[in-house]
Amino acid sequence: MSGDSVDLVNDLQEGIGKVQSESPELVAAFVQMDQAAYVEGELERKYKELIGIGIAVAVRCEYCINIHVKNALAEGASRDEILEAAAVAVAFGGSPAMAYVATTVLKALEAFE
């Protein structure tokens, strides 16, 4: 895939909108679950977004990487924090995870910083 970061985020949001028109219950449940996961508690949203980056890299989801890099920056995460979170994913995901850090994470940082 490896598309433009802004386009990937827009495509994701557009796609979710289309799914919502076809299956509003599914999207409503997903949004409720997602919002509950990101409520500030013991962890600030910034750290939850960094965790999201690590997971997204490990599972190799370009859409997820882009949205979580964008959100992490919006929550005040630095470039170094984002790259460090991605590095943890490489420890678990090996070469495929490194490929996503070297491409998708860096592209997302350039697009959203």
Protein backbone atom coordinates (compact mmCIF):
# COMPACT_ATOMS: atom_id res chain seq x y z
CA MET A 1 0.00 0.00 0.00
CA SER A 2 2.43 2.69 1.26
CA GLY A 3 0.43 5.67 0.05
CA ASP A 4 0.50 9.31 1.01
CA SER A 5 -0.09 9.69 4.75
CA VAL A 6 -2.77 12.36 4.47
CA ASP A 7 -4.57 10.38 1.76
CA LEU A 8 -4.48 7.22 3.89
CA VAL A 9 -6.05 9.01 6.88
CA ASN A 10 -8.68 10.58 4.61
CA ASP A 11 -9.39 7.22 2.95
CA LEU A 12 -9.84 5.60 6.37
CA GLN A 13 -12.24 8.28 7.55
CA GLU A 14 -14.19 8.14 4.29
CA GLY A 15 -14.36 4.35 4.45
CA ILE A 16 -15.61 4.38 8.01
CA GLY A 17 -18.28 6.86 6.92
CA LYS A 18 -19.39 4.44 4.18
CA VAL A 19 -19.48 1.52 6.61
CA GLN A 20 -21.54 3.68 8.96
CA SER A 21 -24.17 4.22 6.28
CA GLU A 22 -24.32 0.45 5.67
CA SER A 23 -23.93 -0.75 9.25
CA PRO A 24 -24.45 2.05 11.76
CA GLU A 25 -24.57 -0.31 14.74
CA LEU A 26 -21.11 -1.67 13.95
CA VAL A 27 -19.54 1.78 13.65
CA ALA A 28 -21.32 3.04 16.76
CA ALA A 29 -20.01 0.09 18.77
CA PHE A 30 -16.49 0.56 17.38
CA VAL A 31 -16.49 4.30 18.13
CA GLN A 32 -17.75 3.69 21.67
CA MET A 33 -15.05 1.06 22.30
CA ASP A 34 -12.34 3.24 20.76
CA GLN A 35 -13.35 6.29 22.79
CA ALA A 36 -13.42 4.24 25.99
CA ALA A 37 -9.90 2.97 25.32
CA TYR A 38 -8.55 6.51 24.91
CA VAL A 39 -10.18 8.13 27.95
CA GLU A 40 -7.49 9.64 30.13
CA GLY A 41 -7.02 7.63 33.28
CA GLU A 42 -3.73 6.52 34.73
CA LEU A 43 -2.25 6.98 31.26
CA GLU A 44 -2.47 10.26 29.37
CA ARG A 45 -3.83 10.12 25.80
CA LYS A 46 -0.35 10.81 24.47
CA TYR A 47 0.93 7.57 25.92
CA LYS A 48 -2.08 5.65 24.68
CA GLU A 49 -1.38 6.96 21.16
CA LEU A 50 2.27 5.88 21.50
CA ILE A 51 1.08 2.40 22.49
CA GLY A 52 -1.22 2.51 19.46
CA ILE A 53 1.78 3.27 17.24
CA GLY A 54 3.68 0.31 18.63
CA ILE A 55 0.77 -2.04 18.08
CA ALA A 56 0.04 -0.64 14.61
CA VAL A 57 3.66 -1.19 13.56
CA ALA A 58 3.70 -4.71 15.02
CA VAL A 59 0.49 -5.70 13.18
CA ARG A 60 1.55 -3.76 10.06
CA CYS A 61 -1.49 -1.56 9.61
CA GLU A 62 -0.59 1.50 7.53
CA TYR A 63 -3.90 3.18 8.23
CA CYS A 64 -3.46 2.69 11.98
CA ILE A 65 0.15 3.88 11.92
CA ASN A 66 -0.82 7.08 10.18
CA ILE A 67 -3.79 7.91 12.38
CA HIS A 68 -1.87 7.18 15.59
CA VAL A 69 1.19 9.19 14.51
CA LYS A 70 -1.13 12.10 13.67
CA ASN A 71 -2.98 11.76 16.98
CA ALA A 72 0.22 11.33 19.01
CA LEU A 73 1.64 14.54 17.57
CA ALA A 74 -1.64 16.32 18.33
CA GLU A 75 -1.39 15.06 21.93
CA GLY A 76 2.11 16.52 22.28
CA ALA A 77 4.31 13.52 21.53
CA SER A 78 7.70 14.34 20.08
CA ARG A 79 9.28 12.76 17.02
CA ASP A 80 11.75 10.99 19.31
CA GLU A 81 8.94 9.55 21.46
CA ILE A 82 7.15 8.28 18.37
CA LEU A 83 10.29 6.67 16.98
CA GLU A 84 11.04 5.10 20.37
CA ALA A 85 7.54 3.61 20.54
CA ALA A 86 8.02 2.28 17.02
CA ALA A 87 11.39 0.81 18.04
CA VAL A 88 9.70 -1.28 20.72
CA ALA A 89 7.44 -2.70 18.02
CA VAL A 90 10.51 -3.64 15.99
CA ALA A 91 11.78 -5.64 18.97
CA PHE A 92 8.60 -7.71 18.75
CA GLY A 93 7.91 -7.61 15.03
CA GLY A 94 11.40 -7.97 13.57
CA SER A 95 12.17 -7.16 9.94
CA PRO A 96 8.57 -6.55 8.81
CA ALA A 97 8.06 -4.06 11.64
CA MET A 98 11.36 -2.33 10.77
CA ALA A 99 10.16 -1.96 7.18
CA TYR A 100 7.06 -0.11 8.40
CA VAL A 101 9.13 2.16 10.66
CA ALA A 102 11.53 2.93 7.81
CA THR A 103 8.67 3.79 5.47
CA THR A 104 5.23 4.45 6.91
CA VAL A 105 6.18 5.91 10.31
CA LEU A 106 8.75 8.27 8.78
CA LYS A 107 6.32 9.35 6.04
CA ALA A 108 3.59 9.97 8.63
CA LEU A 109 5.94 12.08 10.74
CA GLU A 110 6.87 14.17 7.72
CA ALA A 111 3.22 14.61 6.76
CA PHE A 112 1.82 15.50 10.18
CA GLU A 113 4.64 17.33 12.01
